[in-house]
Protein backbone atom coordinates (compact mmCIF):
# COMPACT_ATOMS: atom_id res chain seq x y z
CA UNK A 1 -0.42 0.04 -0.06
CA UNK A 2 0.96 3.44 -0.51
CA UNK A 3 2.50 5.28 2.11
CA UNK A 4 2.66 8.91 2.54
CA UNK A 5 7.10 7.91 2.33
CA UNK A 6 6.16 6.64 -0.66
CA UNK A 7 4.92 10.02 -2.07
CA UNK A 8 6.68 13.32 -2.89
CA UNK A 9 5.53 16.76 -0.66
CA UNK A 10 4.54 17.84 -3.49
CA UNK A 11 1.96 15.32 -4.97
CA UNK A 12 0.46 14.75 -1.59
CA UNK A 13 -0.31 18.74 -2.02
CA UNK A 14 -1.81 18.06 -5.64
CA UNK A 15 -3.98 15.12 -3.90
CA UNK A 16 -4.69 17.22 -1.41
CA UNK A 17 -6.49 19.47 -4.18
CA UNK A 18 -8.02 17.12 -6.25
CA UNK A 19 -9.97 15.51 -3.09
CA UNK A 20 -11.02 18.49 -2.54
CA UNK A 21 -11.03 17.51 1.17
CA UNK A 22 -10.99 21.38 2.33
CA UNK A 23 -12.35 24.24 0.57
CA UNK A 24 -13.84 27.56 1.00
CA UNK A 25 -17.42 27.28 -0.19
CA UNK A 26 -20.62 29.47 0.00
CA UNK A 27 -21.55 31.39 3.14
CA UNK A 28 -23.35 30.66 5.84
CA UNK A 29 -26.54 32.89 6.55
CA UNK A 30 -25.00 36.06 7.63
CA UNK A 31 -22.76 36.08 4.39
CA UNK A 32 -20.27 34.75 6.05
CA UNK A 33 -17.08 32.38 4.08
CA UNK A 34 -17.87 28.42 4.62
CA UNK A 35 -15.02 26.78 4.70
CA UNK A 36 -15.70 22.80 4.15
CA UNK A 37 -14.14 19.92 5.50
CA UNK A 38 -14.87 16.18 3.90
CA UNK A 39 -13.41 13.64 6.43
CA UNK A 40 -13.78 11.04 4.45
CA UNK A 41 -11.95 12.25 1.47
CA UNK A 42 -9.03 12.81 3.65
CA UNK A 43 -6.32 10.45 3.07
CA UNK A 44 -4.13 9.94 6.66
CA UNK A 45 -2.46 7.11 4.98
CA UNK A 46 -0.31 9.23 2.52
CA UNK A 47 -0.60 12.76 3.68
CA UNK A 48 1.50 13.71 6.49
CA UNK A 49 0.05 16.57 9.08
CA UNK A 50 3.01 18.84 7.71
CA UNK A 51 2.09 18.55 4.50
CA UNK A 52 -1.79 19.32 5.60
CA UNK A 53 -0.33 22.43 7.63
CA UNK A 54 1.55 23.99 4.43
CA UNK A 55 -1.65 23.42 1.93
CA UNK A 56 -3.83 25.13 4.33
CA UNK A 57 -1.21 27.53 4.86
CA UNK A 58 -0.99 28.52 1.12
CA UNK A 59 -4.38 27.67 0.24
CA UNK A 60 -6.78 28.52 2.83
CA UNK A 61 -5.70 30.40 5.95
CA UNK A 62 -4.63 34.02 3.42
CA UNK A 63 -8.61 33.96 2.96
CA UNK A 64 -9.11 33.49 6.00
CA UNK A 65 -7.19 35.75 7.58
CA UNK A 66 -9.48 39.15 7.84
CA UNK A 67 -13.46 38.39 7.75
CA UNK A 68 -15.56 36.28 10.64
CA UNK A 69 -16.21 32.60 8.41
CA UNK A 70 -17.35 29.23 9.42
CA UNK A 71 -16.74 25.64 9.21
CA UNK A 72 -18.80 22.85 7.41
CA UNK A 73 -17.04 19.09 8.56
CA UNK A 74 -19.04 16.49 7.20
CA UNK A 75 -18.15 13.97 9.23
CA UNK A 76 -20.10 11.24 6.80
CA UNK A 77 -18.40 7.68 6.68
CA UNK A 78 -15.28 8.66 8.23
CA UNK A 79 -13.25 5.30 8.28
CA UNK A 80 -10.33 5.59 11.78
CA UNK A 81 -8.42 3.61 9.26
CA UNK A 82 -8.11 5.38 6.04
CA UNK A 83 -9.64 9.36 7.19
CA UNK A 84 -8.10 9.89 11.16
CA UNK A 85 -4.60 11.45 11.00
CA UNK A 86 -4.40 10.51 14.84
CA UNK A 87 -4.23 12.80 17.60
CA UNK A 88 -0.39 14.64 17.52
CA UNK A 89 -1.88 15.05 14.36
CA UNK A 90 -4.55 16.97 14.73
CA UNK A 91 -2.82 19.09 18.04
CA UNK A 92 -0.11 20.05 15.92
CA UNK A 93 -2.58 21.18 12.80
CA UNK A 94 -4.55 23.32 14.83
CA UNK A 95 -1.76 24.42 16.91
CA UNK A 96 -0.40 25.92 13.58
CA UNK A 97 -3.07 28.29 12.51
CA UNK A 98 -2.63 31.51 12.83
CA UNK A 99 -4.09 32.86 15.50
CA UNK A 100 -5.95 35.83 13.56
CA UNK A 101 -7.68 32.94 10.96
CA UNK A 102 -8.54 31.25 14.73
CA UNK A 103 -10.16 34.94 15.94
CA UNK A 104 -12.39 35.09 12.85
CA UNK A 105 -13.43 31.04 13.39
CA UNK A 106 -17.34 32.29 14.13
CA UNK A 107 -18.91 28.58 14.27
CA UNK A 108 -18.25 24.90 13.65
CA UNK A 109 -21.10 22.26 12.00
CA UNK A 110 -19.83 18.56 12.67
CA UNK A 111 -22.14 17.26 10.66
CA UNK A 112 -23.29 13.76 11.26
CA UNK A 113 -20.64 13.45 14.00
CA UNK A 114 -22.07 9.58 15.31
CA UNK A 115 -21.75 8.70 18.49
CA UNK A 116 -17.63 7.53 18.64
CA UNK A 117 -17.46 10.64 17.31
CA UNK A 118 -19.00 12.70 20.04
CA UNK A 119 -16.95 10.32 22.49
CA UNK A 120 -13.63 11.02 21.56
CA UNK A 121 -14.21 14.98 21.63
CA UNK A 122 -15.97 14.85 24.54
CA UNK A 123 -13.00 12.91 26.64
CA UNK A 124 -10.18 15.25 23.60
CA UNK A 125 -11.83 18.04 22.45
CA UNK A 126 -10.24 19.69 25.83
CA UNK A 127 -6.97 18.52 25.04
CA UNK A 128 -6.92 19.02 21.47
CA UNK A 129 -8.37 22.54 20.25
CA UNK A 130 -8.68 25.77 22.77
CA UNK A 131 -11.86 26.15 25.32
CA UNK A 132 -12.78 28.79 22.88
CA UNK A 133 -12.68 26.40 19.65
CA UNK A 134 -14.03 23.58 21.88
CA UNK A 135 -16.87 26.03 22.67
CA UNK A 136 -17.46 26.20 18.89
CA UNK A 137 -18.69 23.27 18.35
CA UNK A 138 -22.01 22.68 17.32
CA UNK A 139 -23.59 19.13 16.60
CA UNK A 140 -25.78 18.41 13.38
CA UNK A 141 -27.32 15.18 12.99
CA UNK A 142 -29.08 16.28 9.76
CA UNK A 143 -28.80 18.57 7.06
CA UNK A 144 -32.10 20.16 7.68
CA UNK A 145 -30.96 21.95 10.65
CA UNK A 146 -27.24 22.64 8.85
CA UNK A 147 -29.72 24.91 6.34
CA UNK A 148 -30.78 26.62 10.07
CA UNK A 149 -27.32 28.51 9.80
CA UNK A 150 -25.72 27.66 5.63
CA UNK A 151 -26.65 28.76 2.68
CA UNK A 152 -28.07 25.85 1.29
CA UNK A 153 -27.88 25.85 -2.74
CA UNK A 154 -23.95 27.77 -2.10
CA UNK A 155 -22.17 24.64 -0.02
CA UNK A 156 -21.71 21.23 -2.12
CA UNK A 157 -22.53 18.32 -0.35
CA UNK A 158 -21.09 15.32 -1.80
CA UNK A 159 -24.26 12.35 -2.97
CA UNK A 160 -23.07 10.14 -0.18
CA UNK A 161 -23.71 12.99 2.48
CA UNK A 162 -27.70 13.50 1.50
CA UNK A 163 -27.49 9.27 0.99
CA UNK A 164 -27.00 9.02 4.96
CA UNK A 165 -28.46 11.54 5.89
CA UNK A 166 -32.13 10.00 3.96
CA UNK A 167 -30.61 6.64 6.09
CA UNK A 168 -31.07 8.49 9.26
CA UNK A 169 -34.47 9.56 8.49
CA UNK A 170 -35.24 6.33 8.32
CA UNK A 171 -33.43 4.66 10.83
CA UNK A 172 -32.22 6.77 13.24
CA UNK A 173 -30.94 4.72 15.99
CA UNK A 174 -27.92 4.86 13.27
CA UNK A 175 -26.90 7.98 15.58
CA UNK A 176 -26.35 5.62 18.13
CA UNK A 177 -24.34 3.09 16.46
CA UNK A 178 -26.91 0.55 17.65
CA UNK A 179 -27.70 -0.34 14.06
CA UNK A 180 -25.02 -0.87 11.54
CA UNK A 181 -24.59 1.32 8.22
CA UNK A 182 -26.96 0.59 5.53
CA UNK A 183 -25.45 -1.47 2.53
CA UNK A 184 -24.83 1.75 0.13
CA UNK A 185 -22.49 3.27 2.50
CA UNK A 186 -20.51 0.62 2.45
CA UNK A 187 -20.37 0.94 -1.69
CA UNK A 188 -19.84 5.05 -1.36
CA UNK A 189 -17.04 4.22 1.41
CA UNK A 190 -15.32 1.40 -1.56
CA UNK A 191 -16.16 4.20 -4.61
CA UNK A 192 -14.28 7.42 -2.35
CA UNK A 193 -11.34 8.98 -3.97
CA UNK A 194 -9.19 7.97 -1.10
CA UNK A 195 -10.02 4.25 -1.79
CA UNK A 196 -9.71 4.79 -5.78
CA UNK A 197 -6.20 6.17 -5.15
CA UNK A 198 -5.24 3.69 -3.17
CA UNK A 199 -6.00 0.93 -5.23
CA UNK A 200 -3.93 2.43 -8.04
CA UNK A 201 -0.76 2.87 -5.74
CA UNK A 202 -1.45 -1.18 -4.73
CA UNK A 203 -1.95 -1.74 -8.03
């Protein structure tokens, strides 16, 4: 399998750009920019924390340094083995965020958190992030609740996220980890850009 040691930093940066893991997309209902993050698209096995920090420093932070903004983080379909960079890496990336960007951040909308993510943040959230940021975290269990804060037609939401949202409406106990995901969610994971890129590396 590919690892970050097998692709150069420039290739890692290109991969982040191609997958659109982090992208400024649309505005919230107060007219503030929205930074959209798709957790399932982050290739944690291929991209180092240093490459991610450089990408954010060059491509994202300069666009967020002057005015307030919000974050929409889509946690849908995230797999710990493929998309989670590790606690130390998360802390390293957070520490690299410029102070003015942190000050401009108004809210983090955490979409489809699930039980494990809630437990993780309840345990490590205050360790990973300052009290100010942790206090701005807002769990969003359904997309309908997100549209109360974000302009619906300005932020692009991947199809697998809307599919999962529909599944949650039909099977609400999935929110608490009592039911396994619908089969089409597993199919979507296999079809994700990260999985496709990894398979190319294997071959």
